[in-house]
Amino acid sequence: MLRVENLSKAYPGAGGPVQALERVTLQAVPGDIVCLIGPNASGKTTLLKILAGLVAPDSGRIEWT
């Protein structure tokens, strides 16, 4: 099972931090099909990079069981 709780991530921007993810929560069990959809720059790739361990979240918790 994958459990994500209150995941947040911001990147530095010219006018201040740019919030890529803000308090994202989700849960998926084996057999689930999950689709991430949204407009450009909505945080889809950031979420996948965090789940893959390539980027550290600013806050929140990820649990793989």
PDB file of N, CA and C in Angstrom:
ATOM      1  N   MET A   1       0.845  -1.178   0.000  1.00  0.00           N
ATOM      2  CA  MET A   1       0.000   0.000   0.000  1.00  0.00           C
ATOM      3  C   MET A   1       0.889   1.240   0.000  1.00  0.00           C
ATOM      4  N   LEU A   2       0.417   2.248  -0.656  1.00  0.00           N
ATOM      5  CA  LEU A   2       1.068   3.561  -0.660  1.00  0.00           C
ATOM      6  C   LEU A   2       0.156   4.530   0.067  1.00  0.00           C
ATOM      7  N   ARG A   3       0.738   5.218   1.024  1.00  0.00           N
ATOM      8  CA  ARG A   3      -0.015   6.251   1.742  1.00  0.00           C
ATOM      9  C   ARG A   3       0.817   7.529   1.735  1.00  0.00           C
ATOM     10  N   VAL A   4       0.214   8.610   1.281  1.00  0.00           N
ATOM     11  CA  VAL A   4       0.846   9.929   1.248  1.00  0.00           C
ATOM     12  C   VAL A   4      -0.024  10.850   2.087  1.00  0.00           C
ATOM     13  N   GLU A   5       0.603  11.542   3.023  1.00  0.00           N
ATOM     14  CA  GLU A   5      -0.156  12.422   3.916  1.00  0.00           C
ATOM     15  C   GLU A   5       0.458  13.815   3.960  1.00  0.00           C
ATOM     16  N   ASN A   6      -0.329  14.798   3.611  1.00  0.00           N
ATOM     17  CA  ASN A   6       0.037  16.220   3.737  1.00  0.00           C
ATOM     18  C   ASN A   6       1.381  16.556   3.095  1.00  0.00           C
ATOM     19  N   LEU A   7       1.618  16.042   1.907  1.00  0.00           N
ATOM     20  CA  LEU A   7       2.877  16.260   1.209  1.00  0.00           C
ATOM     21  C   LEU A   7       2.903  17.659   0.605  1.00  0.00           C
ATOM     22  N   SER A   8       3.975  18.394   0.879  1.00  0.00           N
ATOM     23  CA  SER A   8       4.142  19.741   0.326  1.00  0.00           C
ATOM     24  C   SER A   8       5.550  19.903  -0.220  1.00  0.00           C
ATOM     25  N   LYS A   9       5.671  20.700  -1.284  1.00  0.00           N
ATOM     26  CA  LYS A   9       6.965  20.992  -1.885  1.00  0.00           C
ATOM     27  C   LYS A   9       6.890  22.346  -2.568  1.00  0.00           C
ATOM     28  N   ALA A  10       7.882  23.192  -2.303  1.00  0.00           N
ATOM     29  CA  ALA A  10       7.990  24.496  -2.963  1.00  0.00           C
ATOM     30  C   ALA A  10       9.374  24.608  -3.588  1.00  0.00           C
ATOM     31  N   TYR A  11       9.445  25.314  -4.690  1.00  0.00           N
ATOM     32  CA  TYR A  11      10.710  25.582  -5.370  1.00  0.00           C
ATOM     33  C   TYR A  11      10.963  27.083  -5.325  1.00  0.00           C
ATOM     34  N   PRO A  12      12.248  27.487  -5.295  1.00  0.00           N
ATOM     35  CA  PRO A  12      12.536  28.918  -5.311  1.00  0.00           C
ATOM     36  C   PRO A  12      12.127  29.537  -6.651  1.00  0.00           C
ATOM     37  N   GLY A  13      11.574  30.721  -6.597  1.00  0.00           N
ATOM     38  CA  GLY A  13      11.185  31.450  -7.801  1.00  0.00           C
ATOM     39  C   GLY A  13      11.664  32.886  -7.714  1.00  0.00           C
ATOM     40  N   ALA A  14      11.635  33.586  -8.823  1.00  0.00           N
ATOM     41  CA  ALA A  14      12.111  34.972  -8.866  1.00  0.00           C
ATOM     42  C   ALA A  14      11.327  35.868  -7.914  1.00  0.00           C
ATOM     43  N   GLY A  15      10.028  35.640  -7.792  1.00  0.00           N
ATOM     44  CA  GLY A  15       9.199  36.464  -6.919  1.00  0.00           C
ATOM     45  C   GLY A  15       8.903  35.816  -5.578  1.00  0.00           C
ATOM     46  N   GLY A  16       9.657  34.796  -5.225  1.00  0.00           N
ATOM     47  CA  GLY A  16       9.421  34.065  -3.983  1.00  0.00           C
ATOM     48  C   GLY A  16       9.138  32.606  -4.285  1.00  0.00           C
ATOM     49  N   PRO A  17       8.913  31.811  -3.257  1.00  0.00           N
ATOM     50  CA  PRO A  17       8.707  30.374  -3.460  1.00  0.00           C
ATOM     51  C   PRO A  17       7.482  30.079  -4.336  1.00  0.00           C
ATOM     52  N   VAL A  18       7.626  29.054  -5.169  1.00  0.00           N
ATOM     53  CA  VAL A  18       6.529  28.573  -6.011  1.00  0.00           C
ATOM     54  C   VAL A  18       6.069  27.241  -5.433  1.00  0.00           C
ATOM     55  N   GLN A  19       4.831  27.182  -5.001  1.00  0.00           N
ATOM     56  CA  GLN A  19       4.287  25.983  -4.352  1.00  0.00           C
ATOM     57  C   GLN A  19       3.908  24.960  -5.426  1.00  0.00           C
ATOM     58  N   ALA A  20       4.665  23.846  -5.495  1.00  0.00           N
ATOM     59  CA  ALA A  20       4.373  22.795  -6.474  1.00  0.00           C
ATOM     60  C   ALA A  20       3.326  21.830  -5.935  1.00  0.00           C
ATOM     61  N   LEU A  21       3.433  21.492  -4.654  1.00  0.00           N
ATOM     62  CA  LEU A  21       2.462  20.619  -3.989  1.00  0.00           C
ATOM     63  C   LEU A  21       2.084  21.250  -2.662  1.00  0.00           C
ATOM     64  N   GLU A  22       0.821  21.162  -2.310  1.00  0.00           N
ATOM     65  CA  GLU A  22       0.374  21.724  -1.033  1.00  0.00           C
ATOM     66  C   GLU A  22      -0.588  20.759  -0.355  1.00  0.00           C
ATOM     67  N   ARG A  23      -0.105  20.109   0.696  1.00  0.00           N
ATOM     68  CA  ARG A  23      -0.891  19.199   1.542  1.00  0.00           C
ATOM     69  C   ARG A  23      -1.605  18.107   0.735  1.00  0.00           C
ATOM     70  N   VAL A  24      -0.856  17.432  -0.149  1.00  0.00           N
ATOM     71  CA  VAL A  24      -1.421  16.346  -0.957  1.00  0.00           C
ATOM     72  C   VAL A  24      -1.555  15.096  -0.097  1.00  0.00           C
ATOM     73  N   THR A  25      -2.722  14.477  -0.146  1.00  0.00           N
ATOM     74  CA  THR A  25      -2.977  13.240   0.575  1.00  0.00           C
ATOM     75  C   THR A  25      -3.611  12.251  -0.392  1.00  0.00           C
ATOM     76  N   LEU A  26      -3.084  11.011  -0.400  1.00  0.00           N
ATOM     77  CA  LEU A  26      -3.684   9.964  -1.219  1.00  0.00           C
ATOM     78  C   LEU A  26      -3.328   8.610  -0.644  1.00  0.00           C
ATOM     79  N   GLN A  27      -4.085   7.603  -1.071  1.00  0.00           N
ATOM     80  CA  GLN A  27      -3.837   6.231  -0.641  1.00  0.00           C
ATOM     81  C   GLN A  27      -4.126   5.323  -1.823  1.00  0.00           C
ATOM     82  N   ALA A  28      -3.252   4.331  -2.062  1.00  0.00           N
ATOM     83  CA  ALA A  28      -3.453   3.365  -3.137  1.00  0.00           C
ATOM     84  C   ALA A  28      -3.054   1.988  -2.626  1.00  0.00           C
ATOM     85  N   VAL A  29      -3.856   0.999  -2.948  1.00  0.00           N
ATOM     86  CA  VAL A  29      -3.577  -0.384  -2.552  1.00  0.00           C
ATOM     87  C   VAL A  29      -3.234  -1.184  -3.801  1.00  0.00           C
ATOM     88  N   PRO A  30      -2.557  -2.341  -3.648  1.00  0.00           N
ATOM     89  CA  PRO A  30      -2.232  -3.164  -4.818  1.00  0.00           C
ATOM     90  C   PRO A  30      -3.486  -3.441  -5.654  1.00  0.00           C
ATOM     91  N   GLY A  31      -3.349  -3.289  -6.950  1.00  0.00           N
ATOM     92  CA  GLY A  31      -4.472  -3.479  -7.858  1.00  0.00           C
ATOM     93  C   GLY A  31      -5.138  -2.179  -8.272  1.00  0.00           C
ATOM     94  N   ASP A  32      -4.919  -1.124  -7.514  1.00  0.00           N
ATOM     95  CA  ASP A  32      -5.468   0.186  -7.879  1.00  0.00           C
ATOM     96  C   ASP A  32      -4.772   0.710  -9.130  1.00  0.00           C
ATOM     97  N   ILE A  33      -5.509   1.395  -9.950  1.00  0.00           N
ATOM     98  CA  ILE A  33      -4.949   2.121 -11.082  1.00  0.00           C
ATOM     99  C   ILE A  33      -5.116   3.603 -10.757  1.00  0.00           C
ATOM    100  N   VAL A  34      -3.988   4.302 -10.694  1.00  0.00           N
ATOM    101  CA  VAL A  34      -4.005   5.713 -10.310  1.00  0.00           C
ATOM    102  C   VAL A  34      -3.574   6.546 -11.509  1.00  0.00           C
ATOM    103  N   CYS A  35      -4.300   7.595 -11.780  1.00  0.00           N
ATOM    104  CA  CYS A  35      -3.994   8.495 -12.887  1.00  0.00           C
ATOM    105  C   CYS A  35      -3.825   9.904 -12.328  1.00  0.00           C
ATOM    106  N   LEU A  36      -2.711  10.527 -12.652  1.00  0.00           N
ATOM    107  CA  LEU A  36      -2.482  11.915 -12.246  1.00  0.00           C
ATOM    108  C   LEU A  36      -2.787  12.810 -13.438  1.00  0.00           C
ATOM    109  N   ILE A  37      -3.789  13.641 -13.297  1.00  0.00           N
ATOM    110  CA  ILE A  37      -4.140  14.550 -14.382  1.00  0.00           C
ATOM    111  C   ILE A  37      -4.181  15.978 -13.850  1.00  0.00           C
ATOM    112  N   GLY A  38      -3.906  16.907 -14.712  1.00  0.00           N
ATOM    113  CA  GLY A  38      -3.951  18.312 -14.327  1.00  0.00           C
ATOM    114  C   GLY A  38      -3.238  19.150 -15.361  1.00  0.00           C
ATOM    115  N   PRO A  39      -3.376  20.454 -15.271  1.00  0.00           N
ATOM    116  CA  PRO A  39      -2.730  21.346 -16.233  1.00  0.00           C
ATOM    117  C   PRO A  39      -1.215  21.367 -16.045  1.00  0.00           C
ATOM    118  N   ASN A  40      -0.540  21.996 -16.999  1.00  0.00           N
ATOM    119  CA  ASN A  40       0.910  22.170 -16.894  1.00  0.00           C
ATOM    120  C   ASN A  40       1.254  22.847 -15.578  1.00  0.00           C
ATOM    121  N   ALA A  41       2.369  22.427 -14.996  1.00  0.00           N
ATOM    122  CA  ALA A  41       2.903  23.028 -13.765  1.00  0.00           C
ATOM    123  C   ALA A  41       1.971  22.872 -12.572  1.00  0.00           C
ATOM    124  N   SER A  42       1.224  21.768 -12.533  1.00  0.00           N
ATOM    125  CA  SER A  42       0.320  21.554 -11.394  1.00  0.00           C
ATOM    126  C   SER A  42       0.897  20.609 -10.341  1.00  0.00           C
ATOM    127  N   GLY A  43       2.124  20.085 -10.556  1.00  0.00           N
ATOM    128  CA  GLY A  43       2.776  19.273  -9.538  1.00  0.00           C
ATOM    129  C   GLY A  43       2.801  17.776  -9.805  1.00  0.00           C
ATOM    130  N   LYS A  44       2.323  17.331 -10.955  1.00  0.00           N
ATOM    131  CA  LYS A  44       2.284  15.894 -11.256  1.00  0.00           C
ATOM    132  C   LYS A  44       3.681  15.284 -11.247  1.00  0.00           C
ATOM    133  N   THR A  45       4.597  15.868 -11.982  1.00  0.00           N
ATOM    134  CA  THR A  45       5.956  15.340 -12.054  1.00  0.00           C
ATOM    135  C   THR A  45       6.661  15.475 -10.716  1.00  0.00           C
ATOM    136  N   THR A  46       6.435  16.551 -10.011  1.00  0.00           N
ATOM    137  CA  THR A  46       7.028  16.714  -8.680  1.00  0.00           C
ATOM    138  C   THR A  46       6.579  15.596  -7.758  1.00  0.00           C
ATOM    139  N   LEU A  47       5.302  15.255  -7.768  1.00  0.00           N
ATOM    140  CA  LEU A  47       4.806  14.165  -6.932  1.00  0.00           C
ATOM    141  C   LEU A  47       5.486  12.854  -7.299  1.00  0.00           C
ATOM    142  N   LEU A  48       5.591  12.541  -8.585  1.00  0.00           N
ATOM    143  CA  LEU A  48       6.237  11.299  -9.008  1.00  0.00           C
ATOM    144  C   LEU A  48       7.713  11.272  -8.624  1.00  0.00           C
ATOM    145  N   LYS A  49       8.401  12.401  -8.756  1.00  0.00           N
ATOM    146  CA  LYS A  49       9.818  12.464  -8.368  1.00  0.00           C
ATOM    147  C   LYS A  49       9.985  12.257  -6.867  1.00  0.00           C
ATOM    148  N   ILE A  50       9.088  12.792  -6.081  1.00  0.00           N
ATOM    149  CA  ILE A  50       9.145  12.585  -4.630  1.00  0.00           C
ATOM    150  C   ILE A  50       8.897  11.118  -4.304  1.00  0.00           C
ATOM    151  N   LEU A  51       7.892  10.510  -4.931  1.00  0.00           N
ATOM    152  CA  LEU A  51       7.599   9.099  -4.675  1.00  0.00           C
ATOM    153  C   LEU A  51       8.759   8.198  -5.087  1.00  0.00           C
ATOM    154  N   ALA A  52       9.492   8.585  -6.137  1.00  0.00           N
ATOM    155  CA  ALA A  52      10.640   7.807  -6.602  1.00  0.00           C
ATOM    156  C   ALA A  52      11.890   8.060  -5.765  1.00  0.00           C
ATOM    157  N   GLY A  53      11.852   9.036  -4.870  1.00  0.00           N
ATOM    158  CA  GLY A  53      13.003   9.344  -4.034  1.00  0.00           C
ATOM    159  C   GLY A  53      14.012  10.260  -4.692  1.00  0.00           C
ATOM    160  N   LEU A  54      13.640  10.891  -5.793  1.00  0.00           N
ATOM    161  CA  LEU A  54      14.558  11.776  -6.504  1.00  0.00           C
ATOM    162  C   LEU A  54      14.551  13.196  -5.962  1.00  0.00           C
ATOM    163  N   VAL A  55      13.465  13.576  -5.313  1.00  0.00           N
ATOM    164  CA  VAL A  55      13.307  14.916  -4.741  1.00  0.00           C
ATOM    165  C   VAL A  55      12.750  14.745  -3.334  1.00  0.00           C
ATOM    166  N   ALA A  56      13.259  15.535  -2.404  1.00  0.00           N
ATOM    167  CA  ALA A  56      12.764  15.473  -1.020  1.00  0.00           C
ATOM    168  C   ALA A  56      11.588  16.434  -0.839  1.00  0.00           C
ATOM    169  N   PRO A  57      10.549  15.992  -0.163  1.00  0.00           N
ATOM    170  CA  PRO A  57       9.441  16.908   0.124  1.00  0.00           C
ATOM    171  C   PRO A  57       9.836  17.906   1.204  1.00  0.00           C
ATOM    172  N   ASP A  58       9.169  19.043   1.239  1.00  0.00           N
ATOM    173  CA  ASP A  58       9.394  20.015   2.311  1.00  0.00           C
ATOM    174  C   ASP A  58       8.715  19.563   3.596  1.00  0.00           C
ATOM    175  N   SER A  59       7.578  18.914   3.452  1.00  0.00           N
ATOM    176  CA  SER A  59       6.862  18.391   4.620  1.00  0.00           C
ATOM    177  C   SER A  59       5.933  17.280   4.160  1.00  0.00           C
ATOM    178  N   GLY A  60       5.433  16.537   5.114  1.00  0.00           N
ATOM    179  CA  GLY A  60       4.524  15.443   4.815  1.00  0.00           C
ATOM    180  C   GLY A  60       5.183  14.096   5.037  1.00  0.00           C
ATOM    181  N   ARG A  61       4.419  13.059   4.742  1.00  0.00           N
ATOM    182  CA  ARG A  61       4.879  11.708   5.032  1.00  0.00           C
ATOM    183  C   ARG A  61       4.488  10.774   3.892  1.00  0.00           C
ATOM    184  N   ILE A  62       5.418   9.861   3.548  1.00  0.00           N
ATOM    185  CA  ILE A  62       5.172   8.826   2.549  1.00  0.00           C
ATOM    186  C   ILE A  62       5.414   7.486   3.217  1.00  0.00           C
ATOM    187  N   GLU A  63       4.477   6.575   3.047  1.00  0.00           N
ATOM    188  CA  GLU A  63       4.597   5.247   3.652  1.00  0.00           C
ATOM    189  C   GLU A  63       4.305   4.191   2.594  1.00  0.00           C
ATOM    190  N   TRP A  64       5.282   3.318   2.345  1.00  0.00           N
ATOM    191  CA  TRP A  64       5.109   2.172   1.451  1.00  0.00           C
ATOM    192  C   TRP A  64       5.031   0.924   2.325  1.00  0.00           C
ATOM    193  N   THR A  65       3.969   0.174   2.219  1.00  0.00           N
ATOM    194  CA  THR A  65       3.869  -1.073   2.998  1.00  0.00           C
ATOM    195  C   THR A  65       3.459  -2.213   2.098  1.00  0.00           C
TER     196      THR A  65
END
